[in-house]
Amino acid sequence: MNNFNELSCRKEIPIFTKMKPTPDGGNVVNYKKEKLYKYYKCDYCGAEIRITDKKQDMTGGIATIPNTVTRRGEMKLALCNKCLRPILSEFEKEREK
């Protein structure tokens, strides 16, 4: 984790919006932007985590890591399902130092 200090100081996790691309053509002046979906960015690998109504269909989410693991206070991170275990192992390595 390169930006550990930035992640520990942020108040809330940002939500990004994916917009429909503009068509290539001559009459793009009155084109209305359309939202495709909202997503989080994984704090470990940078992958997109789509926010859906059904939470069981999401590929990740917000993980609250307690004070006992971080030793610096409670942290909220946006993580993929595959990135949870590597991030916990990094916190354990820091804890052993």
Protein backbone atom coordinates (compact mmCIF):
# COMPACT_ATOMS: atom_id res chain seq x y z
CA MET A 1 0.00 0.00 0.00
CA ASN A 2 1.77 3.06 -1.21
CA ASN A 3 -0.78 5.66 -0.12
CA PHE A 4 -1.59 4.38 3.38
CA ASN A 5 -1.59 7.88 4.93
CA GLU A 6 -4.03 9.23 2.34
CA LEU A 7 -6.41 6.31 2.86
CA SER A 8 -6.34 6.62 6.64
CA CYS A 9 -7.14 10.36 6.55
CA ARG A 10 -10.04 10.37 4.08
CA LYS A 11 -13.54 10.90 5.41
CA GLU A 12 -15.60 8.91 2.91
CA ILE A 13 -15.01 6.62 -0.05
CA PRO A 14 -15.53 8.34 -3.43
CA ILE A 15 -18.19 7.03 -5.81
CA PHE A 16 -17.43 7.40 -9.51
CA THR A 17 -19.92 7.48 -12.40
CA LYS A 18 -19.35 5.86 -15.79
CA MET A 19 -20.93 7.92 -18.57
CA LYS A 20 -22.02 6.79 -22.02
CA PRO A 21 -19.44 7.85 -24.62
CA THR A 22 -20.37 10.63 -27.04
CA PRO A 23 -21.03 9.49 -30.60
CA ASP A 24 -18.68 10.47 -33.36
CA GLY A 25 -20.56 12.66 -35.77
CA GLY A 26 -21.43 16.14 -36.82
CA ASN A 27 -24.38 16.93 -34.55
CA VAL A 28 -23.02 16.44 -31.04
CA VAL A 29 -24.14 19.82 -29.72
CA ASN A 30 -27.46 18.73 -28.22
CA TYR A 31 -26.28 15.32 -27.01
CA LYS A 32 -27.48 14.47 -23.51
CA LYS A 33 -25.06 12.63 -21.28
CA GLU A 34 -26.36 9.35 -19.91
CA LYS A 35 -25.12 7.48 -16.86
CA LEU A 36 -24.25 3.85 -17.40
CA TYR A 37 -23.44 2.85 -13.81
CA LYS A 38 -21.79 3.96 -10.57
CA TYR A 39 -18.68 2.27 -9.22
CA TYR A 40 -15.94 2.28 -6.58
CA LYS A 41 -12.25 1.98 -7.42
CA CYS A 42 -10.41 -0.74 -5.53
CA ASP A 43 -7.83 0.84 -3.22
CA TYR A 44 -5.40 -2.04 -3.73
CA CYS A 45 -5.50 -2.90 -7.46
CA GLY A 46 -7.56 -0.05 -8.99
CA ALA A 47 -10.25 -2.26 -10.54
CA GLU A 48 -13.84 -1.07 -10.96
CA ILE A 49 -16.41 -2.40 -8.48
CA ARG A 50 -19.89 -1.80 -9.88
CA ILE A 51 -22.53 -0.70 -7.38
CA THR A 52 -25.70 -2.74 -7.89
CA ASP A 53 -28.97 -3.06 -6.01
CA LYS A 54 -28.28 -6.71 -5.26
CA LYS A 55 -25.24 -6.73 -2.98
CA GLN A 56 -24.54 -10.43 -3.63
CA ASP A 57 -23.89 -9.64 -7.33
CA MET A 58 -21.15 -7.09 -6.59
CA THR A 59 -17.49 -8.09 -7.07
CA GLY A 60 -16.39 -6.25 -3.95
CA GLY A 61 -17.44 -3.48 -1.63
CA ILE A 62 -16.49 -1.42 1.39
CA ALA A 63 -14.45 -3.22 4.03
CA THR A 64 -14.09 -1.77 7.51
CA ILE A 65 -10.73 -2.75 8.95
CA PRO A 66 -10.71 -2.42 12.76
CA ASN A 67 -8.22 -0.71 15.02
CA THR A 68 -6.78 -4.04 16.20
CA VAL A 69 -5.42 -4.76 12.71
CA THR A 70 -4.27 -1.28 11.64
CA ARG A 71 -3.12 0.11 15.02
CA ARG A 72 -4.01 3.60 13.73
CA GLY A 73 -7.76 3.70 14.02
CA GLU A 74 -10.58 2.21 12.03
CA MET A 75 -10.22 2.39 8.24
CA LYS A 76 -12.79 2.00 5.48
CA LEU A 77 -11.44 0.70 2.17
CA ALA A 78 -13.07 -0.14 -1.15
CA LEU A 79 -11.77 -3.61 -2.02
CA CYS A 80 -12.35 -6.35 -4.60
CA ASN A 81 -13.05 -9.84 -3.36
CA LYS A 82 -9.61 -10.98 -4.54
CA CYS A 83 -7.76 -8.12 -2.78
CA LEU A 84 -9.01 -8.65 0.77
CA ARG A 85 -6.52 -11.35 1.74
CA PRO A 86 -3.39 -9.58 0.35
CA ILE A 87 -4.26 -6.34 2.14
CA LEU A 88 -4.71 -8.13 5.46
CA SER A 89 -1.34 -9.83 5.03
CA GLU A 90 0.28 -6.41 4.44
CA PHE A 91 -1.23 -5.08 7.66
CA GLU A 92 0.09 -8.14 9.51
CA LYS A 93 3.61 -7.53 8.13
CA GLU A 94 3.49 -3.92 9.33
CA ARG A 95 2.27 -5.07 12.71
CA GLU A 96 5.21 -7.46 13.16
CA LYS A 97 7.78 -4.68 12.54
